[in-house]
Amino acid sequence: MLLDVDLAVDDLGRKMQRKTMVPVIYNLFPTLVGSIDHWPAHAARARDLGFNWLYVNPFQSPGFSGSLYAVKDHHRLHPLLEGKTRSPGVEAMAPVIQTIRGLGLSVMMDLVVNHVAKDSPLISRHPAWFRRDVTGEVGSPSVVDPDDACRVTVWGDLAEVDNEGSADRDALWRFWETLIDRAMDLGFTGFRCDAAYKVPPELWRRLITRARGRAPGTLFVAETLGCSPEAVQALEGPGFDYFYNSSKWWDFVAPWCLEQHEAFRRIAPSIAFPESHDTPRLAAETGGSEAVQRQRYAFAAVFSAGVQLTVGYEFGFRRALDVVKTTPADWEAPRFDLRDFLRRVNALKTRHPLLATEGVLRRVETGGDGVTALRRWSDERGTHRGVILINSDSGAFREVEVPAEELPASARLYRPCRDDVPDAGFPVPRAVRLAPAEVALLMEAV
């Protein structure tokens, strides 16, 4: 926690200056789309849908397990990604990233500094960089289930890096700095920091400082899902711009999600998502409900400052992504087409000041059965305010009345989930009848 008030205000000012563009992120899962030659076409579709960031999972050559997150050689491309006429080195990505940025997209990559593949040559070259178990062998990272301490997952294909206690720590940290430099040379302008809570905050501060010394607007997003609140708090100091929130798992009723939002919004704004490469496909979970597919993305877009969508969501893909097994052969035929819907939601997200910040959220009691109403302010002063309405029933219409005192004087009703209503919103009726699984907004006209 910052103790000096002037420093705190100055730091907030720098953060606000960096976040002039609301992050609306399209996750391009590399082995699903294949060769880097194909990436610009997917990027063009993402830009057409209103996304302003393209995030790519690890693209480097993997170890024996084949997992994208078990990087063996940081300087070579994954074999599935090599273009026919290109070098296997990661430098082949530079013209591709330049093309994508020319479309108007910023490009973010995974930054994995907690571990490498168990068969990485770094282990023999720099044995002091890695943690050891009681037998002296290189250890593997693990995680304890927060709901059951007896359940421990160990990733045996990974070697855990000793970023904190290595006897050769300075050389190790310089190695990570060289990866930052090389990525920025390729054209990357953002980093998703994998398992950020497992890395010393001092290392993150050093890497973030280095990147922003080269390009002040470089974006850093902390991946903190599944860690304790205390671990999230510890990441307040290094300078992260965003972290990922857990709203995907909210049932619109239990109090935990709003409580977590209230506690964490003071640390950094967050990014919501309806599914990720680590979760089942939402369309598979719902049996292919297009209404819920719309609902969960619209909710993610209005819940917090940033939003992220995984490639294929727009077409109702059901096959889960796999960091080991997914190949271009897993590309599916579209089951539905949400492209017009995504354009509407993303346009509203990026143009309306109420939705451009993490915001302050409070539940509104309306008496409407099956409807969750959330009061949203853009900031503590309530500079911009409105109400989010969510029909949690995916099989029935629901009607709700919102108390007039909850609404700004110029409030209009926006219904981005509906294809048959104007994008500009219209006057608020006395009672709003929500379609199954609909998300609607009552807020100032823009």
Protein backbone atom coordinates (compact mmCIF):
# COMPACT_ATOMS: atom_id res chain seq x y z
CA MET A 1 0.00 0.00 0.00
CA LEU A 2 1.39 3.41 -0.92
CA LEU A 3 1.91 5.58 2.14
CA ASP A 4 2.71 8.94 0.56
CA VAL A 5 -0.49 10.67 -0.59
CA ASP A 6 1.24 12.77 -3.26
CA LEU A 7 2.92 9.69 -4.69
CA ALA A 8 -0.40 7.84 -4.66
CA VAL A 9 -2.13 10.61 -6.59
CA ASP A 10 0.75 10.82 -9.07
CA ASP A 11 0.70 7.06 -9.60
CA LEU A 12 -3.07 7.16 -10.20
CA GLY A 13 -2.54 9.90 -12.77
CA ARG A 14 0.00 7.80 -14.65
CA LYS A 15 -2.35 4.82 -14.62
CA MET A 16 -5.21 6.88 -15.99
CA GLN A 17 -2.96 8.27 -18.72
CA ARG A 18 -2.01 4.75 -19.81
CA LYS A 19 -5.61 3.53 -19.87
CA THR A 20 -7.08 5.93 -22.39
CA MET A 21 -8.22 2.93 -24.46
CA VAL A 22 -10.66 0.55 -22.81
CA PRO A 23 -9.19 -2.96 -23.32
CA VAL A 24 -11.60 -4.95 -25.48
CA ILE A 25 -9.54 -8.09 -26.08
CA TYR A 26 -9.81 -10.88 -28.63
CA ASN A 27 -7.92 -14.02 -27.57
CA LEU A 28 -6.39 -15.69 -30.62
CA PHE A 29 -5.55 -19.22 -29.48
CA PRO A 30 -2.49 -19.91 -31.67
CA THR A 31 -2.68 -23.65 -32.32
CA LEU A 32 -6.39 -23.44 -33.23
CA VAL A 33 -5.75 -20.94 -36.02
CA GLY A 34 -2.37 -22.41 -37.00
CA SER A 35 0.37 -20.79 -39.06
CA ILE A 36 1.22 -17.18 -38.31
CA ASP A 37 0.41 -16.54 -41.99
CA HIS A 38 -3.27 -16.89 -41.04
CA TRP A 39 -3.23 -14.54 -38.07
CA PRO A 40 -3.87 -11.25 -39.92
CA ALA A 41 -7.16 -12.54 -41.35
CA HIS A 42 -8.40 -13.43 -37.87
CA ALA A 43 -7.14 -10.10 -36.56
CA ALA A 44 -9.07 -8.28 -39.28
CA ARG A 45 -12.26 -10.04 -38.16
CA ALA A 46 -11.56 -9.10 -34.54
CA ARG A 47 -11.03 -5.46 -35.49
CA ASP A 48 -14.25 -5.47 -37.52
CA LEU A 49 -16.08 -6.67 -34.39
CA GLY A 50 -14.80 -3.71 -32.38
CA PHE A 51 -11.91 -5.32 -30.50
CA ASN A 52 -8.83 -3.17 -29.95
CA TRP A 53 -6.43 -5.75 -28.51
CA LEU A 54 -5.32 -9.13 -29.83
CA TYR A 55 -4.01 -11.46 -27.12
CA VAL A 56 -1.99 -14.53 -28.14
CA ASN A 57 -1.20 -17.47 -25.83
CA PRO A 58 2.38 -18.81 -25.82
CA PHE A 59 3.69 -19.34 -29.35
CA GLN A 60 7.18 -20.64 -28.55
CA SER A 61 8.48 -24.17 -29.05
CA PRO A 62 7.13 -26.45 -26.27
CA GLY A 63 8.78 -29.25 -24.34
CA PHE A 64 8.00 -32.98 -24.32
CA SER A 65 4.40 -32.55 -23.11
CA GLY A 66 3.52 -30.28 -26.01
CA SER A 67 1.84 -27.77 -23.69
CA LEU A 68 1.88 -24.18 -24.85
CA TYR A 69 2.72 -23.15 -21.29
CA ALA A 70 5.71 -25.53 -21.09
CA VAL A 71 8.15 -23.43 -23.11
CA LYS A 72 11.34 -25.27 -24.06
CA ASP A 73 12.93 -22.77 -26.45
CA HIS A 74 11.93 -19.11 -26.09
CA HIS A 75 13.52 -18.25 -29.44
CA ARG A 76 11.75 -20.76 -31.72
CA LEU A 77 8.14 -20.90 -32.88
CA HIS A 78 5.79 -23.75 -32.06
CA PRO A 79 5.99 -26.15 -35.05
CA LEU A 80 2.28 -25.69 -35.85
CA LEU A 81 2.79 -21.96 -36.26
CA GLU A 82 5.64 -21.90 -38.72
CA GLY A 83 4.74 -20.48 -42.11
CA LYS A 84 5.81 -22.46 -45.19
CA THR A 85 8.43 -19.95 -46.26
CA ARG A 86 9.42 -18.61 -42.85
CA SER A 87 12.24 -19.18 -40.43
CA PRO A 88 11.40 -21.25 -37.32
CA GLY A 89 12.68 -18.40 -35.18
CA VAL A 90 10.27 -16.07 -33.39
CA GLU A 91 11.63 -13.18 -35.44
CA ALA A 92 9.36 -14.45 -38.24
CA MET A 93 6.49 -12.94 -36.25
CA ALA A 94 7.68 -9.35 -36.63
CA PRO A 95 6.07 -8.62 -40.04
CA VAL A 96 2.89 -10.42 -38.96
CA ILE A 97 2.58 -8.32 -35.81
CA GLN A 98 3.33 -5.20 -37.82
CA THR A 99 0.46 -6.09 -40.16
CA ILE A 100 -1.91 -6.69 -37.24
CA ARG A 101 -0.96 -3.38 -35.63
CA GLY A 102 -1.53 -1.73 -38.98
CA LEU A 103 -5.15 -2.88 -38.71
CA GLY A 104 -5.50 -0.78 -35.55
CA LEU A 105 -5.02 -3.54 -32.98
CA SER A 106 -2.54 -3.58 -30.11
CA VAL A 107 -0.98 -7.01 -29.55
CA MET A 108 -0.50 -8.77 -26.21
CA MET A 109 1.39 -11.99 -25.44
CA ASP A 110 1.69 -14.32 -22.50
CA LEU A 111 4.69 -13.65 -20.28
CA VAL A 112 5.51 -16.86 -18.41
CA VAL A 113 8.33 -16.33 -15.91
CA ASN A 114 7.33 -18.80 -13.20
CA HIS A 115 8.40 -21.94 -15.03
CA VAL A 116 9.80 -23.52 -18.20
CA ALA A 117 9.51 -26.99 -19.73
CA LYS A 118 11.15 -29.77 -17.70
CA ASP A 119 13.37 -30.53 -20.72
CA SER A 120 14.44 -26.93 -21.32
CA PRO A 121 18.18 -26.52 -21.98
CA LEU A 122 18.14 -23.65 -19.48
CA ILE A 123 18.14 -26.24 -16.68
CA SER A 124 21.55 -27.64 -17.61
CA ARG A 125 22.95 -24.23 -18.56
CA HIS A 126 21.77 -22.44 -15.43
CA PRO A 127 21.06 -25.01 -12.70
CA ALA A 128 20.97 -22.32 -10.00
CA TRP A 129 17.89 -20.74 -11.61
CA PHE A 130 15.54 -23.55 -10.52
CA ARG A 131 13.93 -24.80 -7.34
CA ARG A 132 14.88 -28.23 -6.10
CA ASP A 133 12.93 -30.87 -4.21
CA VAL A 134 14.20 -32.80 -1.17
CA THR A 135 16.13 -35.19 -3.44
CA GLY A 136 17.89 -32.35 -5.24
CA GLU A 137 15.93 -32.80 -8.44
CA VAL A 138 14.35 -29.86 -10.22
CA GLY A 139 10.93 -29.22 -8.69
CA SER A 140 7.60 -28.71 -10.45
CA PRO A 141 5.11 -25.93 -9.68
CA SER A 142 1.89 -26.84 -7.91
CA VAL A 143 -1.30 -25.25 -6.69
CA VAL A 144 -3.55 -26.03 -3.72
CA ASP A 145 -7.30 -26.06 -4.27
CA PRO A 146 -8.59 -23.04 -2.26
CA ASP A 147 -11.69 -25.06 -1.31
CA ASP A 148 -9.83 -28.21 -0.28
CA ALA A 149 -6.26 -27.99 1.00
CA CYS A 150 -5.83 -31.74 0.51
CA ARG A 151 -6.18 -31.38 -3.25
CA VAL A 152 -2.86 -30.35 -4.80
CA THR A 153 -2.24 -30.18 -8.55
CA VAL A 154 1.38 -30.67 -9.64
CA TRP A 155 2.48 -29.91 -13.21
CA GLY A 156 5.15 -32.56 -13.77
CA ASP A 157 6.10 -31.31 -17.23
CA LEU A 158 7.24 -27.98 -15.78
CA ALA A 159 10.39 -26.88 -13.98
CA GLU A 160 9.74 -24.20 -11.36
CA VAL A 161 11.99 -21.16 -11.57
CA ASP A 162 13.44 -19.82 -8.32
CA ASN A 163 12.94 -16.13 -9.04
CA GLU A 164 13.14 -15.19 -5.38
CA GLY A 165 15.96 -17.22 -3.85
CA SER A 166 18.27 -18.15 -6.73
CA ALA A 167 21.97 -17.67 -6.00
CA ASP A 168 22.25 -16.38 -9.56
CA ARG A 169 19.16 -14.18 -9.33
CA ASP A 170 20.49 -11.11 -11.11
CA ALA A 171 21.45 -13.11 -14.22
CA LEU A 172 18.04 -14.82 -14.09
CA TRP A 173 16.18 -11.55 -13.91
CA ARG A 174 18.32 -10.14 -16.75
CA PHE A 175 17.25 -13.14 -18.83
CA TRP A 176 13.58 -12.21 -18.33
CA GLU A 177 14.44 -8.62 -19.27
CA THR A 178 15.93 -9.83 -22.54
CA LEU A 179 12.65 -11.64 -23.31
CA ILE A 180 10.74 -8.41 -22.68
CA ASP A 181 13.12 -6.54 -24.99
CA ARG A 182 12.82 -9.15 -27.73
CA ALA A 183 9.02 -9.23 -27.52
CA MET A 184 8.85 -5.45 -27.81
CA ASP A 185 11.25 -5.61 -30.77
CA LEU A 186 8.77 -7.98 -32.43
CA GLY A 187 6.01 -5.42 -31.91
CA PHE A 188 4.19 -6.59 -28.77
CA THR A 189 2.78 -3.74 -26.69
CA GLY A 190 1.16 -5.70 -23.87
CA PHE A 191 1.84 -8.66 -21.60
CA ARG A 192 -0.52 -11.06 -19.83
CA CYS A 193 1.53 -12.13 -16.81
CA ASP A 194 0.80 -15.80 -16.22
CA ALA A 195 0.43 -16.92 -12.59
CA ALA A 196 1.44 -13.42 -11.51
CA TYR A 197 0.92 -14.23 -7.84
CA LYS A 198 3.66 -16.88 -7.99
CA VAL A 199 6.31 -14.35 -9.01
CA PRO A 200 8.01 -11.87 -6.60
CA PRO A 201 6.44 -8.40 -6.91
CA GLU A 202 9.97 -6.97 -7.09
CA LEU A 203 10.60 -8.86 -10.33
CA TRP A 204 7.35 -7.62 -11.83
CA ARG A 205 8.28 -4.06 -10.88
CA ARG A 206 11.65 -4.45 -12.58
CA LEU A 207 10.15 -5.88 -15.79
CA ILE A 208 7.35 -3.33 -15.91
CA THR A 209 9.78 -0.49 -15.31
CA ARG A 210 12.04 -1.73 -18.08
CA ALA A 211 9.20 -2.07 -20.59
CA ARG A 212 7.74 1.33 -19.78
CA GLY A 213 11.18 2.88 -20.02
CA ARG A 214 11.05 1.88 -23.68
CA ALA A 215 7.34 2.53 -24.29
CA PRO A 216 5.37 4.25 -21.49
CA GLY A 217 2.04 2.87 -22.65
CA THR A 218 3.01 -0.81 -22.43
CA LEU A 219 0.14 -2.76 -20.85
CA PHE A 220 0.61 -5.34 -18.07
CA VAL A 221 -2.27 -7.62 -17.02
CA ALA A 222 -1.92 -9.91 -14.00
CA GLU A 223 -3.41 -13.39 -14.19
CA THR A 224 -4.54 -14.07 -10.61
CA LEU A 225 -7.48 -16.47 -10.96
CA GLY A 226 -7.73 -18.98 -8.14
CA CYS A 227 -5.32 -17.25 -5.79
CA SER A 228 -6.13 -15.86 -2.35
CA PRO A 229 -7.27 -12.25 -1.75
CA GLU A 230 -4.01 -11.67 0.10
CA ALA A 231 -2.03 -12.71 -2.98
CA VAL A 232 -3.98 -10.24 -5.10
CA GLN A 233 -3.31 -7.49 -2.58
CA ALA A 234 0.43 -8.20 -2.82
CA LEU A 235 0.35 -7.28 -6.52
CA GLU A 236 -0.79 -3.72 -5.87
CA GLY A 237 2.69 -2.22 -5.89
CA PRO A 238 4.48 -3.33 -9.10
CA GLY A 239 2.30 -1.28 -11.46
CA PHE A 240 -0.11 -3.70 -13.12
CA ASP A 241 -2.77 -2.01 -15.24
CA TYR A 242 -5.41 -4.74 -14.91
CA PHE A 243 -6.06 -8.21 -13.55
CA TYR A 244 -8.67 -10.82 -14.48
CA ASN A 245 -11.80 -11.11 -12.35
CA SER A 246 -13.96 -14.15 -11.56
CA SER A 247 -17.34 -12.82 -12.68
CA LYS A 248 -17.68 -15.64 -15.23
CA TRP A 249 -18.70 -17.92 -12.36
CA TRP A 250 -21.29 -15.59 -10.81
CA ASP A 251 -24.89 -16.81 -10.69
CA PHE A 252 -26.18 -13.20 -10.39
CA VAL A 253 -27.41 -13.95 -6.85
CA ALA A 254 -24.61 -14.90 -4.41
CA PRO A 255 -22.92 -11.90 -2.74
CA TRP A 256 -19.29 -12.94 -3.31
CA CYS A 257 -18.89 -11.41 -6.76
CA LEU A 258 -19.91 -7.88 -5.78
CA GLU A 259 -17.91 -8.15 -2.57
CA GLN A 260 -14.82 -9.17 -4.55
CA HIS A 261 -15.36 -6.34 -7.03
CA GLU A 262 -15.59 -3.82 -4.19
CA ALA A 263 -12.43 -5.12 -2.50
CA PHE A 264 -10.28 -5.41 -5.61
CA ARG A 265 -11.33 -2.30 -7.56
CA ARG A 266 -9.08 -0.23 -5.29
CA ILE A 267 -6.03 -2.26 -6.38
CA ALA A 268 -6.49 -2.10 -10.16
CA PRO A 269 -9.30 -2.29 -12.70
CA SER A 270 -10.14 -5.73 -14.02
CA ILE A 271 -11.05 -7.70 -17.13
CA ALA A 272 -14.11 -9.96 -17.33
CA PHE A 273 -14.70 -12.86 -19.73
CA PRO A 274 -17.49 -15.37 -20.44
CA GLU A 275 -15.03 -18.21 -21.14
CA SER A 276 -11.27 -18.65 -21.50
CA HIS A 277 -8.78 -21.15 -22.85
CA ASP A 278 -8.80 -22.74 -19.37
CA THR A 279 -12.58 -23.24 -19.12
CA PRO A 280 -15.14 -25.32 -20.99
CA ARG A 281 -16.78 -23.58 -23.92
CA LEU A 282 -19.90 -21.77 -22.74
CA ALA A 283 -21.92 -23.11 -25.69
CA ALA A 284 -21.07 -26.64 -24.55
CA GLU A 285 -22.07 -25.88 -20.96
CA THR A 286 -25.46 -24.46 -22.02
CA GLY A 287 -26.29 -26.95 -24.75
CA GLY A 288 -25.84 -24.25 -27.36
CA SER A 289 -28.02 -21.45 -25.96
CA GLU A 290 -27.47 -18.38 -28.13
CA ALA A 291 -29.36 -16.25 -25.59
CA VAL A 292 -26.95 -17.17 -22.78
CA GLN A 293 -23.99 -16.70 -25.15
CA ARG A 294 -25.17 -13.11 -25.64
CA GLN A 295 -26.01 -12.61 -21.97
CA ARG A 296 -22.64 -13.63 -20.58
CA TYR A 297 -20.63 -11.53 -23.01
CA ALA A 298 -22.85 -8.48 -22.54
CA PHE A 299 -22.58 -8.90 -18.76
CA ALA A 300 -18.78 -9.23 -18.95
CA ALA A 301 -18.60 -6.06 -21.03
CA VAL A 302 -20.56 -3.95 -18.52
CA PHE A 303 -19.31 -5.50 -15.27
CA SER A 304 -15.76 -4.13 -15.24
CA ALA A 305 -13.31 -1.94 -17.11
CA GLY A 306 -12.08 -4.53 -19.60
CA VAL A 307 -13.56 -7.52 -21.42
CA GLN A 308 -12.07 -10.50 -23.24
CA LEU A 309 -13.52 -12.98 -25.73
CA THR A 310 -11.99 -16.25 -26.92
CA VAL A 311 -11.77 -17.02 -30.64
CA GLY A 312 -14.76 -19.09 -31.75
CA TYR A 313 -17.15 -17.70 -29.14
CA GLU A 314 -18.80 -15.60 -31.83
CA PHE A 315 -19.70 -18.77 -33.73
CA GLY A 316 -20.79 -20.93 -30.78
CA PHE A 317 -17.81 -23.28 -30.78
CA ARG A 318 -18.27 -26.12 -28.26
CA ARG A 319 -14.95 -27.96 -28.36
CA ALA A 320 -12.80 -26.96 -25.38
CA LEU A 321 -9.39 -25.54 -26.17
CA ASP A 322 -6.49 -27.67 -25.00
CA VAL A 323 -2.98 -26.30 -24.45
CA VAL A 324 -1.55 -29.66 -25.58
CA LYS A 325 -3.97 -31.19 -28.09
CA THR A 326 -5.69 -28.37 -29.99
CA THR A 327 -4.77 -28.09 -33.69
CA PRO A 328 -6.28 -26.25 -36.67
CA ALA A 329 -8.32 -29.41 -37.35
CA ASP A 330 -10.39 -28.48 -34.27
CA TRP A 331 -11.84 -25.42 -36.01
CA GLU A 332 -15.64 -25.91 -36.00
CA ALA A 333 -18.49 -25.07 -38.32
CA PRO A 334 -20.45 -22.06 -36.93
CA ARG A 335 -23.57 -22.94 -34.93
CA PHE A 336 -24.71 -19.31 -34.83
CA ASP A 337 -23.30 -15.92 -35.72
CA LEU A 338 -22.94 -13.23 -33.03
CA ARG A 339 -20.89 -10.77 -35.05
CA ASP A 340 -23.56 -8.04 -35.27
CA PHE A 341 -24.26 -8.43 -31.55
CA LEU A 342 -20.56 -8.12 -30.68
CA ARG A 343 -20.23 -4.99 -32.79
CA ARG A 344 -23.09 -3.40 -30.83
CA VAL A 345 -21.79 -4.35 -27.40
CA ASN A 346 -18.20 -3.38 -28.15
CA ALA A 347 -19.24 -0.06 -29.66
CA LEU A 348 -21.31 0.76 -26.57
CA LYS A 349 -18.48 -0.37 -24.30
CA THR A 350 -15.89 1.85 -25.95
CA ARG A 351 -18.01 4.97 -26.45
CA HIS A 352 -19.97 5.26 -23.20
CA PRO A 353 -18.07 6.84 -20.27
CA LEU A 354 -20.05 4.82 -17.72
CA LEU A 355 -18.56 1.59 -19.08
CA ALA A 356 -14.99 2.81 -19.55
CA THR A 357 -13.92 2.37 -15.92
CA GLU A 358 -13.98 -0.36 -13.29
CA GLY A 359 -16.88 1.49 -11.70
CA VAL A 360 -18.69 1.09 -8.40
CA LEU A 361 -21.42 -1.58 -8.25
CA ARG A 362 -24.30 -1.93 -5.79
CA ARG A 363 -27.34 -4.17 -5.92
CA VAL A 364 -30.72 -2.45 -6.41
CA GLU A 365 -33.76 -4.03 -4.82
CA THR A 366 -36.59 -3.91 -7.36
CA GLY A 367 -38.78 -6.81 -6.31
CA GLY A 368 -38.49 -8.24 -9.82
CA ASP A 369 -38.34 -12.02 -9.52
CA GLY A 370 -35.52 -13.52 -11.58
CA VAL A 371 -34.00 -10.12 -12.38
CA THR A 372 -30.73 -8.80 -10.95
CA ALA A 373 -30.42 -5.01 -10.96
CA LEU A 374 -27.05 -3.37 -10.35
CA ARG A 375 -26.46 0.32 -9.81
CA ARG A 376 -23.26 1.34 -11.62
CA TRP A 377 -21.27 4.53 -11.07
CA SER A 378 -18.23 5.38 -13.17
CA ASP A 379 -16.42 6.56 -10.02
CA GLU A 380 -16.95 7.37 -6.35
CA ARG A 381 -18.37 10.79 -7.25
CA GLY A 382 -20.99 9.26 -9.51
CA THR A 383 -19.83 11.31 -12.50
CA HIS A 384 -21.72 8.90 -14.74
CA ARG A 385 -24.31 6.50 -13.42
CA GLY A 386 -26.87 3.97 -14.54
CA VAL A 387 -28.46 0.60 -13.84
CA ILE A 388 -27.65 -2.83 -15.29
CA LEU A 389 -30.60 -5.24 -15.62
CA ILE A 390 -29.96 -8.98 -15.96
CA ASN A 391 -32.63 -11.59 -16.60
CA SER A 392 -31.04 -14.65 -15.02
CA ASP A 393 -33.84 -16.85 -16.42
CA SER A 394 -32.82 -18.19 -19.82
CA GLY A 395 -36.26 -19.61 -20.50
CA ALA A 396 -38.76 -16.88 -19.64
CA PHE A 397 -39.49 -13.17 -20.03
CA ARG A 398 -39.25 -11.10 -16.84
CA GLU A 399 -40.57 -7.65 -16.05
CA VAL A 400 -39.02 -5.16 -13.65
CA GLU A 401 -39.58 -1.58 -12.53
CA VAL A 402 -36.56 0.48 -11.57
CA PRO A 403 -37.12 3.26 -9.00
CA ALA A 404 -36.84 6.64 -10.72
CA GLU A 405 -34.38 7.91 -8.09
CA GLU A 406 -31.85 5.31 -9.28
CA LEU A 407 -31.70 6.80 -12.77
CA PRO A 408 -30.00 9.87 -14.21
CA ALA A 409 -32.39 12.52 -15.54
CA SER A 410 -31.49 11.78 -19.17
CA ALA A 411 -31.59 8.00 -18.85
CA ARG A 412 -32.29 5.90 -21.91
CA LEU A 413 -32.79 2.17 -22.30
CA TYR A 414 -30.10 0.30 -24.22
CA ARG A 415 -30.75 -3.31 -25.27
CA PRO A 416 -27.57 -4.56 -26.99
CA CYS A 417 -28.63 -8.23 -26.73
CA ARG A 418 -31.59 -7.55 -29.03
CA ASP A 419 -31.25 -7.39 -32.80
CA ASP A 420 -34.58 -5.61 -33.24
CA VAL A 421 -34.03 -2.41 -31.24
CA PRO A 422 -32.03 0.74 -32.08
CA ASP A 423 -28.44 0.98 -30.90
CA ALA A 424 -28.97 4.55 -29.70
CA GLY A 425 -31.38 3.55 -26.95
CA PHE A 426 -34.85 4.96 -26.32
CA PRO A 427 -36.85 6.54 -23.47
CA VAL A 428 -37.21 4.43 -20.34
CA PRO A 429 -40.64 2.84 -19.97
CA ARG A 430 -42.31 2.49 -16.58
CA ALA A 431 -41.54 -1.25 -16.59
CA VAL A 432 -38.89 -3.03 -18.62
CA ARG A 433 -39.80 -6.44 -20.03
CA LEU A 434 -36.62 -8.44 -20.44
CA ALA A 435 -36.29 -11.27 -22.92
CA PRO A 436 -34.88 -14.58 -21.67
CA ALA A 437 -31.25 -14.14 -20.53
CA GLU A 438 -31.27 -10.50 -21.63
CA VAL A 439 -28.92 -7.83 -20.28
CA ALA A 440 -30.16 -4.23 -20.61
CA LEU A 441 -28.78 -0.86 -19.52
CA LEU A 442 -30.44 2.27 -18.18
CA MET A 443 -27.97 5.14 -18.50
CA GLU A 444 -27.30 8.56 -19.93
CA ALA A 445 -27.63 9.03 -23.67
CA VAL A 446 -24.42 9.21 -25.70
